[in-house]
């Protein structure tokens, strides 16, 4: 879960996990957004 670093290509490296940002959870009533990171080609529904 912990993101250590990211770059402009949205590639994320987190404690041995290598993935990409597939979704941003945009909070309309807060100042923070959250990234959903998954392995390449991982398919997941909005639900």
ModelCIF file with pLDDT and N, C-alpha, C, O atoms, coordinates in Angstrom:
data_MODEL
#
_entry.id   MODEL 
#
_entity.id                         1 
_entity.type                       polymer 
_entity.pdbx_number_of_molecules   1 
#
_entity_poly.entity_id                      1 
_entity_poly.type                           'polypeptide(L)' 
_entity_poly.nstd_linkage                   no 
_entity_poly.nstd_monomer                   no 
_entity_poly.pdbx_seq_one_letter_code       
;(UNK)(UNK)(UNK)(UNK)(UNK)(UNK)(UNK)(UNK)(UNK)(UNK)(UNK)(UNK)(UNK)(UNK)(UNK)(UNK)
(UNK)(UNK)(UNK)(UNK)(UNK)(UNK)(UNK)(UNK)(UNK)(UNK)(UNK)(UNK)(UNK)(UNK)(UNK)(UNK)
(UNK)(UNK)(UNK)(UNK)(UNK)(UNK)(UNK)(UNK)(UNK)(UNK)(UNK)(UNK)(UNK)(UNK)(UNK)
;
_entity_poly.pdbx_seq_one_letter_code_can   XXXXXXXXXXXXXXXXXXXXXXXXXXXXXXXXXXXXXXXXXXXXXXX 
_entity_poly.pdbx_strand_id                 A 
#
loop_
_entity_poly_seq.entity_id 
_entity_poly_seq.num 
_entity_poly_seq.mon_id 
_entity_poly_seq.hetero 
1 1  UNK n 
1 2  UNK n 
1 3  UNK n 
1 4  UNK n 
1 5  UNK n 
1 6  UNK n 
1 7  UNK n 
1 8  UNK n 
1 9  UNK n 
1 10 UNK n 
1 11 UNK n 
1 12 UNK n 
1 13 UNK n 
1 14 UNK n 
1 15 UNK n 
1 16 UNK n 
1 17 UNK n 
1 18 UNK n 
1 19 UNK n 
1 20 UNK n 
1 21 UNK n 
1 22 UNK n 
1 23 UNK n 
1 24 UNK n 
1 25 UNK n 
1 26 UNK n 
1 27 UNK n 
1 28 UNK n 
1 29 UNK n 
1 30 UNK n 
1 31 UNK n 
1 32 UNK n 
1 33 UNK n 
1 34 UNK n 
1 35 UNK n 
1 36 UNK n 
1 37 UNK n 
1 38 UNK n 
1 39 UNK n 
1 40 UNK n 
1 41 UNK n 
1 42 UNK n 
1 43 UNK n 
1 44 UNK n 
1 45 UNK n 
1 46 UNK n 
1 47 UNK n 
#
_struct_asym.id          A 
_struct_asym.entity_id   1 
#
loop_
_ma_qa_metric.id 
_ma_qa_metric.mode 
_ma_qa_metric.name 
_ma_qa_metric.software_group_id 
_ma_qa_metric.type 
1 global pLDDT . pLDDT 
2 local  pLDDT . pLDDT 
#
_ma_qa_metric_global.metric_id      1 
_ma_qa_metric_global.metric_value   73.04 
_ma_qa_metric_global.model_id       1 
_ma_qa_metric_global.ordinal_id     1 
#
loop_
_ma_qa_metric_local.label_asym_id 
_ma_qa_metric_local.label_comp_id 
_ma_qa_metric_local.label_seq_id 
_ma_qa_metric_local.metric_id 
_ma_qa_metric_local.metric_value 
_ma_qa_metric_local.model_id 
_ma_qa_metric_local.ordinal_id 
A UNK 1  2 45.00 1 1  
A UNK 2  2 40.00 1 2  
A UNK 3  2 41.00 1 3  
A UNK 4  2 36.00 1 4  
A UNK 5  2 37.00 1 5  
A UNK 6  2 40.00 1 6  
A UNK 7  2 41.00 1 7  
A UNK 8  2 45.00 1 8  
A UNK 9  2 53.00 1 9  
A UNK 10 2 55.00 1 10 
A UNK 11 2 59.00 1 11 
A UNK 12 2 60.00 1 12 
A UNK 13 2 60.00 1 13 
A UNK 14 2 60.00 1 14 
A UNK 15 2 60.00 1 15 
A UNK 16 2 66.00 1 16 
A UNK 17 2 68.00 1 17 
A UNK 18 2 74.00 1 18 
A UNK 19 2 79.00 1 19 
A UNK 20 2 83.00 1 20 
A UNK 21 2 85.00 1 21 
A UNK 22 2 85.00 1 22 
A UNK 23 2 87.00 1 23 
A UNK 24 2 89.00 1 24 
A UNK 25 2 88.00 1 25 
A UNK 26 2 90.00 1 26 
A UNK 27 2 90.00 1 27 
A UNK 28 2 96.00 1 28 
A UNK 29 2 95.00 1 29 
A UNK 30 2 90.00 1 30 
A UNK 31 2 88.00 1 31 
A UNK 32 2 83.00 1 32 
A UNK 33 2 85.00 1 33 
A UNK 34 2 85.00 1 34 
A UNK 35 2 84.00 1 35 
A UNK 36 2 83.00 1 36 
A UNK 37 2 82.00 1 37 
A UNK 38 2 81.00 1 38 
A UNK 39 2 80.00 1 39 
A UNK 40 2 80.00 1 40 
A UNK 41 2 83.00 1 41 
A UNK 42 2 81.00 1 42 
A UNK 43 2 84.00 1 43 
A UNK 44 2 84.00 1 44 
A UNK 45 2 89.00 1 45 
A UNK 46 2 92.00 1 46 
A UNK 47 2 92.00 1 47 
#
loop_
_atom_site.group_PDB 
_atom_site.id 
_atom_site.type_symbol 
_atom_site.label_atom_id 
_atom_site.label_alt_id 
_atom_site.label_comp_id 
_atom_site.label_asym_id 
_atom_site.label_entity_id 
_atom_site.label_seq_id 
_atom_site.pdbx_PDB_ins_code 
_atom_site.Cartn_x 
_atom_site.Cartn_y 
_atom_site.Cartn_z 
_atom_site.occupancy 
_atom_site.B_iso_or_equiv 
_atom_site.pdbx_formal_charge 
_atom_site.auth_seq_id 
_atom_site.auth_comp_id 
_atom_site.auth_asym_id 
_atom_site.auth_atom_id 
_atom_site.pdbx_PDB_model_num 
ATOM 1   N N  . UNK A 1 1  ? 0.797   -1.217 0.000   1.00 45.00 ? 1  UNK A N  1 
ATOM 2   C CA . UNK A 1 1  ? 0.000   0.000  0.000   1.00 45.00 ? 1  UNK A CA 1 
ATOM 3   C C  . UNK A 1 1  ? 0.831   1.269  0.000   1.00 45.00 ? 1  UNK A C  1 
ATOM 4   O O  . UNK A 1 1  ? 0.385   2.284  -0.536  1.00 45.00 ? 1  UNK A O  1 
ATOM 5   N N  . UNK A 1 2  ? 2.015   1.251  0.577   1.00 40.00 ? 2  UNK A N  1 
ATOM 6   C CA . UNK A 1 2  ? 2.798   2.473  0.726   1.00 40.00 ? 2  UNK A CA 1 
ATOM 7   C C  . UNK A 1 2  ? 3.505   2.837  -0.568  1.00 40.00 ? 2  UNK A C  1 
ATOM 8   O O  . UNK A 1 2  ? 4.278   2.040  -1.101  1.00 40.00 ? 2  UNK A O  1 
ATOM 9   N N  . UNK A 1 3  ? 3.250   4.014  -1.066  1.00 41.00 ? 3  UNK A N  1 
ATOM 10  C CA . UNK A 1 3  ? 3.932   4.474  -2.260  1.00 41.00 ? 3  UNK A CA 1 
ATOM 11  C C  . UNK A 1 3  ? 5.203   5.186  -1.837  1.00 41.00 ? 3  UNK A C  1 
ATOM 12  O O  . UNK A 1 3  ? 5.160   6.130  -1.048  1.00 41.00 ? 3  UNK A O  1 
ATOM 13  N N  . UNK A 1 4  ? 6.318   4.742  -2.353  1.00 36.00 ? 4  UNK A N  1 
ATOM 14  C CA . UNK A 1 4  ? 7.601   5.356  -2.026  1.00 36.00 ? 4  UNK A CA 1 
ATOM 15  C C  . UNK A 1 4  ? 7.940   6.444  -3.031  1.00 36.00 ? 4  UNK A C  1 
ATOM 16  O O  . UNK A 1 4  ? 8.343   7.539  -2.638  1.00 36.00 ? 4  UNK A O  1 
ATOM 17  N N  . UNK A 1 5  ? 7.786   6.166  -4.312  1.00 37.00 ? 5  UNK A N  1 
ATOM 18  C CA . UNK A 1 5  ? 8.152   7.143  -5.333  1.00 37.00 ? 5  UNK A CA 1 
ATOM 19  C C  . UNK A 1 5  ? 7.306   6.938  -6.579  1.00 37.00 ? 5  UNK A C  1 
ATOM 20  O O  . UNK A 1 5  ? 6.812   5.841  -6.838  1.00 37.00 ? 5  UNK A O  1 
ATOM 21  N N  . UNK A 1 6  ? 7.148   8.002  -7.341  1.00 40.00 ? 6  UNK A N  1 
ATOM 22  C CA . UNK A 1 6  ? 6.460   7.910  -8.620  1.00 40.00 ? 6  UNK A CA 1 
ATOM 23  C C  . UNK A 1 6  ? 7.106   8.901  -9.569  1.00 40.00 ? 6  UNK A C  1 
ATOM 24  O O  . UNK A 1 6  ? 7.773   9.847  -9.148  1.00 40.00 ? 6  UNK A O  1 
ATOM 25  N N  . UNK A 1 7  ? 6.898   8.670  -10.856 1.00 41.00 ? 7  UNK A N  1 
ATOM 26  C CA . UNK A 1 7  ? 7.438   9.601  -11.833 1.00 41.00 ? 7  UNK A CA 1 
ATOM 27  C C  . UNK A 1 7  ? 6.342   10.036 -12.796 1.00 41.00 ? 7  UNK A C  1 
ATOM 28  O O  . UNK A 1 7  ? 5.184   9.645  -12.644 1.00 41.00 ? 7  UNK A O  1 
ATOM 29  N N  . UNK A 1 8  ? 6.703   10.834 -13.774 1.00 45.00 ? 8  UNK A N  1 
ATOM 30  C CA . UNK A 1 8  ? 5.710   11.422 -14.672 1.00 45.00 ? 8  UNK A CA 1 
ATOM 31  C C  . UNK A 1 8  ? 5.020   10.407 -15.572 1.00 45.00 ? 8  UNK A C  1 
ATOM 32  O O  . UNK A 1 8  ? 4.013   10.732 -16.200 1.00 45.00 ? 8  UNK A O  1 
ATOM 33  N N  . UNK A 1 9  ? 5.532   9.204  -15.648 1.00 53.00 ? 9  UNK A N  1 
ATOM 34  C CA . UNK A 1 9  ? 4.893   8.164  -16.457 1.00 53.00 ? 9  UNK A CA 1 
ATOM 35  C C  . UNK A 1 9  ? 3.834   7.413  -15.657 1.00 53.00 ? 9  UNK A C  1 
ATOM 36  O O  . UNK A 1 9  ? 3.221   6.478  -16.173 1.00 53.00 ? 9  UNK A O  1 
ATOM 37  N N  . UNK A 1 10 ? 3.611   7.809  -14.402 1.00 55.00 ? 10 UNK A N  1 
ATOM 38  C CA . UNK A 1 10 ? 2.667   7.155  -13.499 1.00 55.00 ? 10 UNK A CA 1 
ATOM 39  C C  . UNK A 1 10 ? 3.123   5.763  -13.102 1.00 55.00 ? 10 UNK A C  1 
ATOM 40  O O  . UNK A 1 10 ? 2.308   4.961  -12.643 1.00 55.00 ? 10 UNK A O  1 
ATOM 41  N N  . UNK A 1 11 ? 4.408   5.453  -13.266 1.00 59.00 ? 11 UNK A N  1 
ATOM 42  C CA . UNK A 1 11 ? 4.937   4.174  -12.801 1.00 59.00 ? 11 UNK A CA 1 
ATOM 43  C C  . UNK A 1 11 ? 5.292   4.324  -11.333 1.00 59.00 ? 11 UNK A C  1 
ATOM 44  O O  . UNK A 1 11 ? 5.948   5.289  -10.939 1.00 59.00 ? 11 UNK A O  1 
ATOM 45  N N  . UNK A 1 12 ? 4.862   3.383  -10.539 1.00 60.00 ? 12 UNK A N  1 
ATOM 46  C CA . UNK A 1 12 ? 5.023   3.470  -9.094  1.00 60.00 ? 12 UNK A CA 1 
ATOM 47  C C  . UNK A 1 12 ? 5.867   2.315  -8.600  1.00 60.00 ? 12 UNK A C  1 
ATOM 48  O O  . UNK A 1 12 ? 5.708   1.183  -9.057  1.00 60.00 ? 12 UNK A O  1 
ATOM 49  N N  . UNK A 1 13 ? 6.767   2.596  -7.666  1.00 60.00 ? 13 UNK A N  1 
ATOM 50  C CA . UNK A 1 13 ? 7.531   1.539  -7.007  1.00 60.00 ? 13 UNK A CA 1 
ATOM 51  C C  . UNK A 1 13 ? 7.241   1.658  -5.519  1.00 60.00 ? 13 UNK A C  1 
ATOM 52  O O  . UNK A 1 13 ? 7.465   2.709  -4.920  1.00 60.00 ? 13 UNK A O  1 
ATOM 53  N N  . UNK A 1 14 ? 6.748   0.594  -4.931  1.00 60.00 ? 14 UNK A N  1 
ATOM 54  C CA . UNK A 1 14 ? 6.361   0.617  -3.528  1.00 60.00 ? 14 UNK A CA 1 
ATOM 55  C C  . UNK A 1 14 ? 6.823   -0.662 -2.848  1.00 60.00 ? 14 UNK A C  1 
ATOM 56  O O  . UNK A 1 14 ? 6.238   -1.726 -3.053  1.00 60.00 ? 14 UNK A O  1 
ATOM 57  N N  . UNK A 1 15 ? 7.840   -0.565 -2.065  1.00 60.00 ? 15 UNK A N  1 
ATOM 58  C CA . UNK A 1 15 ? 8.311   -1.687 -1.257  1.00 60.00 ? 15 UNK A CA 1 
ATOM 59  C C  . UNK A 1 15 ? 8.318   -3.014 -2.016  1.00 60.00 ? 15 UNK A C  1 
ATOM 60  O O  . UNK A 1 15 ? 7.740   -3.998 -1.555  1.00 60.00 ? 15 UNK A O  1 
ATOM 61  N N  . UNK A 1 16 ? 8.958   -3.039 -3.153  1.00 66.00 ? 16 UNK A N  1 
ATOM 62  C CA . UNK A 1 16 ? 9.049   -4.261 -3.920  1.00 66.00 ? 16 UNK A CA 1 
ATOM 63  C C  . UNK A 1 16 ? 7.886   -4.491 -4.877  1.00 66.00 ? 16 UNK A C  1 
ATOM 64  O O  . UNK A 1 16 ? 7.876   -5.484 -5.604  1.00 66.00 ? 16 UNK A O  1 
ATOM 65  N N  . UNK A 1 17 ? 6.935   -3.615 -4.889  1.00 68.00 ? 17 UNK A N  1 
ATOM 66  C CA . UNK A 1 17 ? 5.793   -3.724 -5.793  1.00 68.00 ? 17 UNK A CA 1 
ATOM 67  C C  . UNK A 1 17 ? 6.016   -2.790 -6.961  1.00 68.00 ? 17 UNK A C  1 
ATOM 68  O O  . UNK A 1 17 ? 6.365   -1.626 -6.766  1.00 68.00 ? 17 UNK A O  1 
ATOM 69  N N  . UNK A 1 18 ? 5.821   -3.279 -8.166  1.00 74.00 ? 18 UNK A N  1 
ATOM 70  C CA . UNK A 1 18 ? 5.982   -2.470 -9.363  1.00 74.00 ? 18 UNK A CA 1 
ATOM 71  C C  . UNK A 1 18 ? 4.639   -2.461 -10.083 1.00 74.00 ? 18 UNK A C  1 
ATOM 72  O O  . UNK A 1 18 ? 4.139   -3.514 -10.480 1.00 74.00 ? 18 UNK A O  1 
ATOM 73  N N  . UNK A 1 19 ? 4.056   -1.284 -10.253 1.00 79.00 ? 19 UNK A N  1 
ATOM 74  C CA . UNK A 1 19 ? 2.754   -1.207 -10.892 1.00 79.00 ? 19 UNK A CA 1 
ATOM 75  C C  . UNK A 1 19 ? 2.543   0.147  -11.524 1.00 79.00 ? 19 UNK A C  1 
ATOM 76  O O  . UNK A 1 19 ? 3.448   0.981  -11.567 1.00 79.00 ? 19 UNK A O  1 
ATOM 77  N N  . UNK A 1 20 ? 1.329   0.357  -12.015 1.00 83.00 ? 20 UNK A N  1 
ATOM 78  C CA . UNK A 1 20 ? 0.962   1.626  -12.631 1.00 83.00 ? 20 UNK A CA 1 
ATOM 79  C C  . UNK A 1 20 ? -0.328  2.135  -12.001 1.00 83.00 ? 20 UNK A C  1 
ATOM 80  O O  . UNK A 1 20 ? -1.118  1.365  -11.456 1.00 83.00 ? 20 UNK A O  1 
ATOM 81  N N  . UNK A 1 21 ? -0.520  3.431  -12.086 1.00 85.00 ? 21 UNK A N  1 
ATOM 82  C CA . UNK A 1 21 ? -1.764  4.036  -11.602 1.00 85.00 ? 21 UNK A CA 1 
ATOM 83  C C  . UNK A 1 21 ? -2.850  3.729  -12.627 1.00 85.00 ? 21 UNK A C  1 
ATOM 84  O O  . UNK A 1 21 ? -2.723  4.082  -13.799 1.00 85.00 ? 21 UNK A O  1 
ATOM 85  N N  . UNK A 1 22 ? -3.919  3.071  -12.178 1.00 85.00 ? 22 UNK A N  1 
ATOM 86  C CA . UNK A 1 22 ? -5.018  2.741  -13.083 1.00 85.00 ? 22 UNK A CA 1 
ATOM 87  C C  . UNK A 1 22 ? -6.238  3.628  -12.848 1.00 85.00 ? 22 UNK A C  1 
ATOM 88  O O  . UNK A 1 22 ? -7.084  3.783  -13.729 1.00 85.00 ? 22 UNK A O  1 
ATOM 89  N N  . UNK A 1 23 ? -6.320  4.206  -11.654 1.00 87.00 ? 23 UNK A N  1 
ATOM 90  C CA . UNK A 1 23 ? -7.461  5.046  -11.294 1.00 87.00 ? 23 UNK A CA 1 
ATOM 91  C C  . UNK A 1 23 ? -7.023  6.052  -10.249 1.00 87.00 ? 23 UNK A C  1 
ATOM 92  O O  . UNK A 1 23 ? -6.170  5.765  -9.410  1.00 87.00 ? 23 UNK A O  1 
ATOM 93  N N  . UNK A 1 24 ? -7.615  7.236  -10.308 1.00 89.00 ? 24 UNK A N  1 
ATOM 94  C CA . UNK A 1 24 ? -7.465  8.206  -9.224  1.00 89.00 ? 24 UNK A CA 1 
ATOM 95  C C  . UNK A 1 24 ? -8.828  8.337  -8.566  1.00 89.00 ? 24 UNK A C  1 
ATOM 96  O O  . UNK A 1 24 ? -9.839  8.534  -9.240  1.00 89.00 ? 24 UNK A O  1 
ATOM 97  N N  . UNK A 1 25 ? -8.846  8.224  -7.245  1.00 88.00 ? 25 UNK A N  1 
ATOM 98  C CA . UNK A 1 25 ? -10.069 8.488  -6.493  1.00 88.00 ? 25 UNK A CA 1 
ATOM 99  C C  . UNK A 1 25 ? -10.016 9.967  -6.122  1.00 88.00 ? 25 UNK A C  1 
ATOM 100 O O  . UNK A 1 25 ? -9.281  10.375 -5.223  1.00 88.00 ? 25 UNK A O  1 
ATOM 101 N N  . UNK A 1 26 ? -10.806 10.751 -6.831  1.00 90.00 ? 26 UNK A N  1 
ATOM 102 C CA . UNK A 1 26 ? -10.827 12.203 -6.625  1.00 90.00 ? 26 UNK A CA 1 
ATOM 103 C C  . UNK A 1 26 ? -11.862 12.536 -5.556  1.00 90.00 ? 26 UNK A C  1 
ATOM 104 O O  . UNK A 1 26 ? -13.055 12.279 -5.719  1.00 90.00 ? 26 UNK A O  1 
ATOM 105 N N  . UNK A 1 27 ? -11.381 13.110 -4.468  1.00 90.00 ? 27 UNK A N  1 
ATOM 106 C CA . UNK A 1 27 ? -12.270 13.508 -3.376  1.00 90.00 ? 27 UNK A CA 1 
ATOM 107 C C  . UNK A 1 27 ? -12.775 14.920 -3.642  1.00 90.00 ? 27 UNK A C  1 
ATOM 108 O O  . UNK A 1 27 ? -11.991 15.868 -3.696  1.00 90.00 ? 27 UNK A O  1 
ATOM 109 N N  . UNK A 1 28 ? -14.075 15.054 -3.804  1.00 96.00 ? 28 UNK A N  1 
ATOM 110 C CA . UNK A 1 28 ? -14.675 16.340 -4.123  1.00 96.00 ? 28 UNK A CA 1 
ATOM 111 C C  . UNK A 1 28 ? -14.774 17.263 -2.912  1.00 96.00 ? 28 UNK A C  1 
ATOM 112 O O  . UNK A 1 28 ? -14.864 18.481 -3.065  1.00 96.00 ? 28 UNK A O  1 
ATOM 113 N N  . UNK A 1 29 ? -14.758 16.696 -1.725  1.00 95.00 ? 29 UNK A N  1 
ATOM 114 C CA . UNK A 1 29 ? -14.889 17.504 -0.514  1.00 95.00 ? 29 UNK A CA 1 
ATOM 115 C C  . UNK A 1 29 ? -13.676 17.349 0.406   1.00 95.00 ? 29 UNK A C  1 
ATOM 116 O O  . UNK A 1 29 ? -13.815 17.364 1.629   1.00 95.00 ? 29 UNK A O  1 
ATOM 117 N N  . UNK A 1 30 ? -12.490 17.201 -0.184  1.00 90.00 ? 30 UNK A N  1 
ATOM 118 C CA . UNK A 1 30 ? -11.253 17.072 0.580   1.00 90.00 ? 30 UNK A CA 1 
ATOM 119 C C  . UNK A 1 30 ? -10.102 17.534 -0.313  1.00 90.00 ? 30 UNK A C  1 
ATOM 120 O O  . UNK A 1 30 ? -10.273 17.687 -1.522  1.00 90.00 ? 30 UNK A O  1 
ATOM 121 N N  . UNK A 1 31 ? -8.948  17.752 0.278   1.00 88.00 ? 31 UNK A N  1 
ATOM 122 C CA . UNK A 1 31 ? -7.794  18.224 -0.493  1.00 88.00 ? 31 UNK A CA 1 
ATOM 123 C C  . UNK A 1 31 ? -6.927  17.083 -1.016  1.00 88.00 ? 31 UNK A C  1 
ATOM 124 O O  . UNK A 1 31 ? -6.031  17.321 -1.827  1.00 88.00 ? 31 UNK A O  1 
ATOM 125 N N  . UNK A 1 32 ? -7.169  15.866 -0.578  1.00 83.00 ? 32 UNK A N  1 
ATOM 126 C CA . UNK A 1 32 ? -6.367  14.715 -1.000  1.00 83.00 ? 32 UNK A CA 1 
ATOM 127 C C  . UNK A 1 32 ? -7.111  13.865 -2.016  1.00 83.00 ? 32 UNK A C  1 
ATOM 128 O O  . UNK A 1 32 ? -8.326  13.684 -1.929  1.00 83.00 ? 32 UNK A O  1 
ATOM 129 N N  . UNK A 1 33 ? -6.365  13.352 -2.973  1.00 85.00 ? 33 UNK A N  1 
ATOM 130 C CA . UNK A 1 33 ? -6.859  12.321 -3.868  1.00 85.00 ? 33 UNK A CA 1 
ATOM 131 C C  . UNK A 1 33 ? -6.062  11.058 -3.575  1.00 85.00 ? 33 UNK A C  1 
ATOM 132 O O  . UNK A 1 33 ? -4.973  11.131 -3.005  1.00 85.00 ? 33 UNK A O  1 
ATOM 133 N N  . UNK A 1 34 ? -6.584  9.920  -3.951  1.00 85.00 ? 34 UNK A N  1 
ATOM 134 C CA . UNK A 1 34 ? -5.906  8.642  -3.726  1.00 85.00 ? 34 UNK A CA 1 
ATOM 135 C C  . UNK A 1 34 ? -5.690  7.937  -5.054  1.00 85.00 ? 34 UNK A C  1 
ATOM 136 O O  . UNK A 1 34 ? -6.541  7.988  -5.942  1.00 85.00 ? 34 UNK A O  1 
ATOM 137 N N  . UNK A 1 35 ? -4.549  7.281  -5.181  1.00 84.00 ? 35 UNK A N  1 
ATOM 138 C CA . UNK A 1 35 ? -4.217  6.529  -6.383  1.00 84.00 ? 35 UNK A CA 1 
ATOM 139 C C  . UNK A 1 35 ? -4.501  5.054  -6.178  1.00 84.00 ? 35 UNK A C  1 
ATOM 140 O O  . UNK A 1 35 ? -4.218  4.499  -5.116  1.00 84.00 ? 35 UNK A O  1 
ATOM 141 N N  . UNK A 1 36 ? -5.053  4.429  -7.185  1.00 83.00 ? 36 UNK A N  1 
ATOM 142 C CA . UNK A 1 36 ? -5.211  2.982  -7.204  1.00 83.00 ? 36 UNK A CA 1 
ATOM 143 C C  . UNK A 1 36 ? -4.112  2.447  -8.123  1.00 83.00 ? 36 UNK A C  1 
ATOM 144 O O  . UNK A 1 36 ? -4.063  2.770  -9.310  1.00 83.00 ? 36 UNK A O  1 
ATOM 145 N N  . UNK A 1 37 ? -3.236  1.627  -7.551  1.00 82.00 ? 37 UNK A N  1 
ATOM 146 C CA . UNK A 1 37 ? -2.079  1.109  -8.271  1.00 82.00 ? 37 UNK A CA 1 
ATOM 147 C C  . UNK A 1 37 ? -2.238  -0.394 -8.433  1.00 82.00 ? 37 UNK A C  1 
ATOM 148 O O  . UNK A 1 37 ? -2.612  -1.095 -7.493  1.00 82.00 ? 37 UNK A O  1 
ATOM 149 N N  . UNK A 1 38 ? -1.954  -0.875 -9.622  1.00 81.00 ? 38 UNK A N  1 
ATOM 150 C CA . UNK A 1 38 ? -2.111  -2.304 -9.900  1.00 81.00 ? 38 UNK A CA 1 
ATOM 151 C C  . UNK A 1 38 ? -1.021  -2.764 -10.866 1.00 81.00 ? 38 UNK A C  1 
ATOM 152 O O  . UNK A 1 38 ? -0.396  -1.944 -11.540 1.00 81.00 ? 38 UNK A O  1 
ATOM 153 N N  . UNK A 1 39 ? -0.797  -4.074 -10.931 1.00 80.00 ? 39 UNK A N  1 
ATOM 154 C CA . UNK A 1 39 ? 0.154   -4.589 -11.922 1.00 80.00 ? 39 UNK A CA 1 
ATOM 155 C C  . UNK A 1 39 ? -0.341  -4.263 -13.332 1.00 80.00 ? 39 UNK A C  1 
ATOM 156 O O  . UNK A 1 39 ? -1.543  -4.117 -13.556 1.00 80.00 ? 39 UNK A O  1 
ATOM 157 N N  . UNK A 1 40 ? 0.577   -4.153 -14.262 1.00 80.00 ? 40 UNK A N  1 
ATOM 158 C CA . UNK A 1 40 ? 0.200   -3.919 -15.670 1.00 80.00 ? 40 UNK A CA 1 
ATOM 159 C C  . UNK A 1 40 ? -0.792  -4.993 -16.122 1.00 80.00 ? 40 UNK A C  1 
ATOM 160 O O  . UNK A 1 40 ? -0.693  -6.155 -15.727 1.00 80.00 ? 40 UNK A O  1 
ATOM 161 N N  . UNK A 1 41 ? -1.734  -4.589 -16.946 1.00 83.00 ? 41 UNK A N  1 
ATOM 162 C CA . UNK A 1 41 ? -2.751  -5.472 -17.534 1.00 83.00 ? 41 UNK A CA 1 
ATOM 163 C C  . UNK A 1 41 ? -3.720  -6.055 -16.518 1.00 83.00 ? 41 UNK A C  1 
ATOM 164 O O  . UNK A 1 41 ? -4.444  -6.997 -16.841 1.00 83.00 ? 41 UNK A O  1 
ATOM 165 N N  . UNK A 1 42 ? -3.755  -5.527 -15.305 1.00 81.00 ? 42 UNK A N  1 
ATOM 166 C CA . UNK A 1 42 ? -4.704  -5.984 -14.287 1.00 81.00 ? 42 UNK A CA 1 
ATOM 167 C C  . UNK A 1 42 ? -6.048  -5.332 -14.560 1.00 81.00 ? 42 UNK A C  1 
ATOM 168 O O  . UNK A 1 42 ? -6.125  -4.110 -14.690 1.00 81.00 ? 42 UNK A O  1 
ATOM 169 N N  . UNK A 1 43 ? -7.080  -6.102 -14.647 1.00 84.00 ? 43 UNK A N  1 
ATOM 170 C CA . UNK A 1 43 ? -8.421  -5.599 -14.940 1.00 84.00 ? 43 UNK A CA 1 
ATOM 171 C C  . UNK A 1 43 ? -9.255  -5.574 -13.667 1.00 84.00 ? 43 UNK A C  1 
ATOM 172 O O  . UNK A 1 43 ? -9.342  -6.573 -12.953 1.00 84.00 ? 43 UNK A O  1 
ATOM 173 N N  . UNK A 1 44 ? -9.861  -4.440 -13.389 1.00 84.00 ? 44 UNK A N  1 
ATOM 174 C CA . UNK A 1 44 ? -10.705 -4.292 -12.211 1.00 84.00 ? 44 UNK A CA 1 
ATOM 175 C C  . UNK A 1 44 ? -11.840 -3.325 -12.554 1.00 84.00 ? 44 UNK A C  1 
ATOM 176 O O  . UNK A 1 44 ? -11.630 -2.330 -13.248 1.00 84.00 ? 44 UNK A O  1 
ATOM 177 N N  . UNK A 1 45 ? -13.021 -3.623 -12.070 1.00 89.00 ? 45 UNK A N  1 
ATOM 178 C CA . UNK A 1 45 ? -14.183 -2.786 -12.362 1.00 89.00 ? 45 UNK A CA 1 
ATOM 179 C C  . UNK A 1 45 ? -14.271 -1.623 -11.371 1.00 89.00 ? 45 UNK A C  1 
ATOM 180 O O  . UNK A 1 45 ? -13.666 -1.652 -10.299 1.00 89.00 ? 45 UNK A O  1 
ATOM 181 N N  . UNK A 1 46 ? -15.034 -0.608 -11.753 1.00 92.00 ? 46 UNK A N  1 
ATOM 182 C CA . UNK A 1 46 ? -15.283 0.507  -10.836 1.00 92.00 ? 46 UNK A CA 1 
ATOM 183 C C  . UNK A 1 46 ? -15.926 0.008  -9.545  1.00 92.00 ? 46 UNK A C  1 
ATOM 184 O O  . UNK A 1 46 ? -15.570 0.452  -8.453  1.00 92.00 ? 46 UNK A O  1 
ATOM 185 N N  . UNK A 1 47 ? -16.869 -0.914 -9.677  1.00 92.00 ? 47 UNK A N  1 
ATOM 186 C CA . UNK A 1 47 ? -17.553 -1.446 -8.499  1.00 92.00 ? 47 UNK A CA 1 
ATOM 187 C C  . UNK A 1 47 ? -16.582 -2.131 -7.536  1.00 92.00 ? 47 UNK A C  1 
ATOM 188 O O  . UNK A 1 47 ? -16.999 -2.633 -6.492  1.00 92.00 ? 47 UNK A O  1 
#
